Structures are given as C-alpha cells and as structure tokens.
Amino acid sequence: MTKPDADMKDPPSRPRDVRAGPGDAGASDRPVHREETPQDRRDGNRATRLFLWLVGVGFITVFVLNIVALV
C-alpha cells in the first residue's frame, strides 16, 4: 500500500498532491518570535508582581476569615 500502483497514475493536468512529512504539520502557521524590549520586560515583571500580591492578599483574607469564623 505504500508503493503507488502503476495503473493509478495522475493525469498530467493535475499535479500530484504533496503531504507534509513528520514534524512539518503547521510549519506555515508558526508565530514569528518578536524582539523583547526592556519595556516589555518591565510590563511582564509588573504584571507578575501584581498577580503575586493579589494571591497573597487572597490567602491572608481567607486566613483571617477562617480565624474569625472559629472565634
């Protein structure tokens, strides 16, 4: 089944279909890596710090509310 049959030749008006090989799927859809500027780095760090502060405040709030509920 891996060898083409002699009687199943493609007509000359239609080119043979070419399939992507292993590892080629989506090669044309891959994003292009953008250069990272110092401003991008600062924005990312600021967002990470904000997220960690919000998580910390959430944990402290839950802890305080649990203590209050036990009293």
N, C-alpha and C. Protein backbone atom coordinates (compact mmCIF):
# COMPACT_ATOMS: atom_id res chain seq x y z
N MET A 1 0.81 -1.19 0.00
CA MET A 1 0.00 0.00 0.00
C MET A 1 0.86 1.26 0.00
N THR A 2 2.12 1.13 0.36
CA THR A 2 2.98 2.31 0.37
C THR A 2 3.54 2.63 -1.00
N LYS A 3 3.52 1.65 -1.92
CA LYS A 3 4.01 1.89 -3.27
C LYS A 3 2.84 2.29 -4.16
N PRO A 4 3.04 3.30 -5.03
CA PRO A 4 1.94 3.68 -5.91
C PRO A 4 1.69 2.61 -6.97
N ASP A 5 0.44 2.41 -7.31
CA ASP A 5 0.07 1.45 -8.34
C ASP A 5 0.41 2.03 -9.71
N ALA A 6 0.85 1.17 -10.62
CA ALA A 6 1.23 1.62 -11.96
C ALA A 6 0.01 2.12 -12.74
N ASP A 7 -1.15 1.49 -12.52
CA ASP A 7 -2.34 1.90 -13.27
C ASP A 7 -3.06 3.10 -12.63
N MET A 8 -2.58 3.62 -11.51
CA MET A 8 -3.22 4.74 -10.83
C MET A 8 -2.41 6.03 -11.02
N LYS A 9 -1.84 6.23 -12.19
CA LYS A 9 -1.04 7.43 -12.45
C LYS A 9 -1.94 8.66 -12.48
N ASP A 10 -1.40 9.78 -12.02
CA ASP A 10 -2.14 11.03 -12.07
C ASP A 10 -2.13 11.56 -13.50
N PRO A 11 -3.25 12.13 -13.92
CA PRO A 11 -3.25 12.73 -15.26
C PRO A 11 -2.31 13.95 -15.27
N PRO A 12 -1.74 14.29 -16.42
CA PRO A 12 -0.79 15.40 -16.47
C PRO A 12 -1.42 16.75 -16.13
N SER A 13 -2.75 16.87 -16.24
CA SER A 13 -3.38 18.16 -15.95
C SER A 13 -3.47 18.43 -14.45
N ARG A 14 -3.33 17.38 -13.64
CA ARG A 14 -3.45 17.55 -12.18
C ARG A 14 -2.13 17.13 -11.53
N PRO A 15 -1.45 18.07 -10.84
CA PRO A 15 -0.20 17.67 -10.18
C PRO A 15 -0.48 16.75 -9.00
N ARG A 16 0.51 15.97 -8.68
CA ARG A 16 0.37 15.04 -7.57
C ARG A 16 0.33 15.81 -6.26
N ASP A 17 -0.57 15.42 -5.36
CA ASP A 17 -0.68 16.08 -4.06
C ASP A 17 0.55 15.76 -3.23
N VAL A 18 1.03 16.76 -2.53
CA VAL A 18 2.19 16.58 -1.65
C VAL A 18 1.72 16.77 -0.23
N ARG A 19 2.00 15.80 0.61
CA ARG A 19 1.59 15.87 2.01
C ARG A 19 2.77 16.27 2.88
N ALA A 20 2.45 16.85 4.01
CA ALA A 20 3.50 17.23 4.96
C ALA A 20 4.09 15.98 5.59
N GLY A 21 5.37 16.00 5.79
CA GLY A 21 6.04 14.88 6.43
C GLY A 21 5.98 15.01 7.94
N PRO A 22 6.58 14.08 8.66
CA PRO A 22 6.57 14.15 10.12
C PRO A 22 7.27 15.42 10.60
N GLY A 23 6.62 16.13 11.49
CA GLY A 23 7.19 17.35 12.03
C GLY A 23 6.94 18.58 11.20
N ASP A 24 6.29 18.45 10.05
CA ASP A 24 6.04 19.61 9.19
C ASP A 24 4.65 20.20 9.38
N ALA A 25 3.80 19.53 10.12
CA ALA A 25 2.43 19.99 10.25
C ALA A 25 2.39 21.37 10.92
N GLY A 26 1.76 22.31 10.27
CA GLY A 26 1.61 23.64 10.83
C GLY A 26 2.85 24.50 10.72
N ALA A 27 3.80 24.12 9.87
CA ALA A 27 5.04 24.90 9.77
C ALA A 27 4.76 26.32 9.30
N SER A 28 3.76 26.50 8.45
CA SER A 28 3.48 27.85 7.95
C SER A 28 2.68 28.67 8.95
N ASP A 29 2.11 28.03 9.96
CA ASP A 29 1.29 28.74 10.95
C ASP A 29 2.05 29.09 12.21
N ARG A 30 3.32 28.77 12.27
CA ARG A 30 4.08 29.05 13.49
C ARG A 30 4.27 30.55 13.65
N PRO A 31 4.10 31.06 14.87
CA PRO A 31 4.31 32.50 15.07
C PRO A 31 5.79 32.87 14.97
N VAL A 32 6.02 34.08 14.54
CA VAL A 32 7.38 34.58 14.44
C VAL A 32 7.75 35.22 15.77
N HIS A 33 8.93 34.92 16.28
CA HIS A 33 9.36 35.44 17.58
C HIS A 33 9.62 36.94 17.47
N ARG A 34 8.95 37.71 18.31
CA ARG A 34 9.15 39.15 18.35
C ARG A 34 10.32 39.49 19.26
N GLU A 35 11.02 40.54 18.94
CA GLU A 35 12.09 41.01 19.81
C GLU A 35 11.49 41.54 21.10
N GLU A 36 12.13 41.26 22.21
CA GLU A 36 11.63 41.70 23.51
C GLU A 36 12.36 42.97 23.91
N THR A 37 11.60 44.02 24.16
CA THR A 37 12.19 45.29 24.56
C THR A 37 12.25 45.37 26.08
N PRO A 38 13.07 46.26 26.62
CA PRO A 38 13.09 46.43 28.08
C PRO A 38 11.72 46.83 28.64
N GLN A 39 10.95 47.59 27.87
CA GLN A 39 9.61 47.97 28.32
C GLN A 39 8.72 46.73 28.43
N ASP A 40 8.82 45.80 27.48
CA ASP A 40 8.05 44.55 27.57
C ASP A 40 8.44 43.77 28.82
N ARG A 41 9.73 43.73 29.11
CA ARG A 41 10.22 43.02 30.29
C ARG A 41 9.68 43.66 31.57
N ARG A 42 9.70 45.00 31.64
CA ARG A 42 9.17 45.71 32.82
C ARG A 42 7.68 45.45 32.99
N ASP A 43 6.94 45.51 31.88
CA ASP A 43 5.49 45.26 31.96
C ASP A 43 5.21 43.84 32.45
N GLY A 44 5.97 42.87 31.97
CA GLY A 44 5.79 41.49 32.42
C GLY A 44 6.10 41.33 33.89
N ASN A 45 7.19 41.95 34.34
CA ASN A 45 7.54 41.87 35.76
C ASN A 45 6.49 42.54 36.63
N ARG A 46 5.98 43.67 36.17
CA ARG A 46 4.95 44.38 36.93
C ARG A 46 3.68 43.54 37.03
N ALA A 47 3.30 42.90 35.95
CA ALA A 47 2.11 42.05 35.97
C ALA A 47 2.30 40.85 36.89
N THR A 48 3.50 40.28 36.89
CA THR A 48 3.78 39.14 37.77
C THR A 48 3.71 39.55 39.23
N ARG A 49 4.30 40.71 39.55
CA ARG A 49 4.26 41.19 40.94
C ARG A 49 2.83 41.47 41.38
N LEU A 50 2.03 42.09 40.50
CA LEU A 50 0.63 42.36 40.83
C LEU A 50 -0.12 41.06 41.10
N PHE A 51 0.10 40.06 40.26
CA PHE A 51 -0.56 38.77 40.44
C PHE A 51 -0.17 38.14 41.78
N LEU A 52 1.12 38.17 42.11
CA LEU A 52 1.56 37.57 43.37
C LEU A 52 1.00 38.33 44.57
N TRP A 53 0.94 39.66 44.49
CA TRP A 53 0.33 40.44 45.58
C TRP A 53 -1.14 40.07 45.75
N LEU A 54 -1.87 39.95 44.64
CA LEU A 54 -3.29 39.60 44.73
C LEU A 54 -3.49 38.21 45.32
N VAL A 55 -2.64 37.27 44.93
CA VAL A 55 -2.73 35.92 45.50
C VAL A 55 -2.44 35.97 47.00
N GLY A 56 -1.41 36.73 47.39
CA GLY A 56 -1.08 36.87 48.81
C GLY A 56 -2.20 37.50 49.61
N VAL A 57 -2.79 38.56 49.07
CA VAL A 57 -3.92 39.22 49.76
C VAL A 57 -5.10 38.25 49.86
N GLY A 58 -5.32 37.45 48.83
CA GLY A 58 -6.40 36.47 48.88
C GLY A 58 -6.17 35.44 49.97
N PHE A 59 -4.95 34.93 50.08
CA PHE A 59 -4.65 33.96 51.14
C PHE A 59 -4.80 34.57 52.52
N ILE A 60 -4.32 35.79 52.70
CA ILE A 60 -4.45 36.45 54.00
C ILE A 60 -5.91 36.67 54.34
N THR A 61 -6.72 37.08 53.35
CA THR A 61 -8.15 37.29 53.58
C THR A 61 -8.83 36.00 54.00
N VAL A 62 -8.54 34.92 53.30
CA VAL A 62 -9.14 33.62 53.65
C VAL A 62 -8.69 33.19 55.04
N PHE A 63 -7.42 33.38 55.37
CA PHE A 63 -6.90 33.02 56.68
C PHE A 63 -7.61 33.81 57.78
N VAL A 64 -7.73 35.13 57.60
CA VAL A 64 -8.38 35.98 58.60
C VAL A 64 -9.85 35.59 58.75
N LEU A 65 -10.53 35.35 57.65
CA LEU A 65 -11.95 34.98 57.73
C LEU A 65 -12.13 33.63 58.42
N ASN A 66 -11.21 32.69 58.20
CA ASN A 66 -11.29 31.40 58.90
C ASN A 66 -11.05 31.57 60.39
N ILE A 67 -10.12 32.43 60.77
CA ILE A 67 -9.86 32.69 62.20
C ILE A 67 -11.10 33.32 62.83
N VAL A 68 -11.69 34.29 62.14
CA VAL A 68 -12.89 34.96 62.67
C VAL A 68 -14.05 33.97 62.79
N ALA A 69 -14.16 33.04 61.85
CA ALA A 69 -15.26 32.07 61.90
C ALA A 69 -15.09 31.10 63.07
N LEU A 70 -13.86 30.84 63.47
CA LEU A 70 -13.62 29.92 64.58
C LEU A 70 -13.85 30.57 65.94
N VAL A 71 -13.80 31.89 66.02
CA VAL A 71 -13.93 32.59 67.31
C VAL A 71 -15.37 32.78 67.67
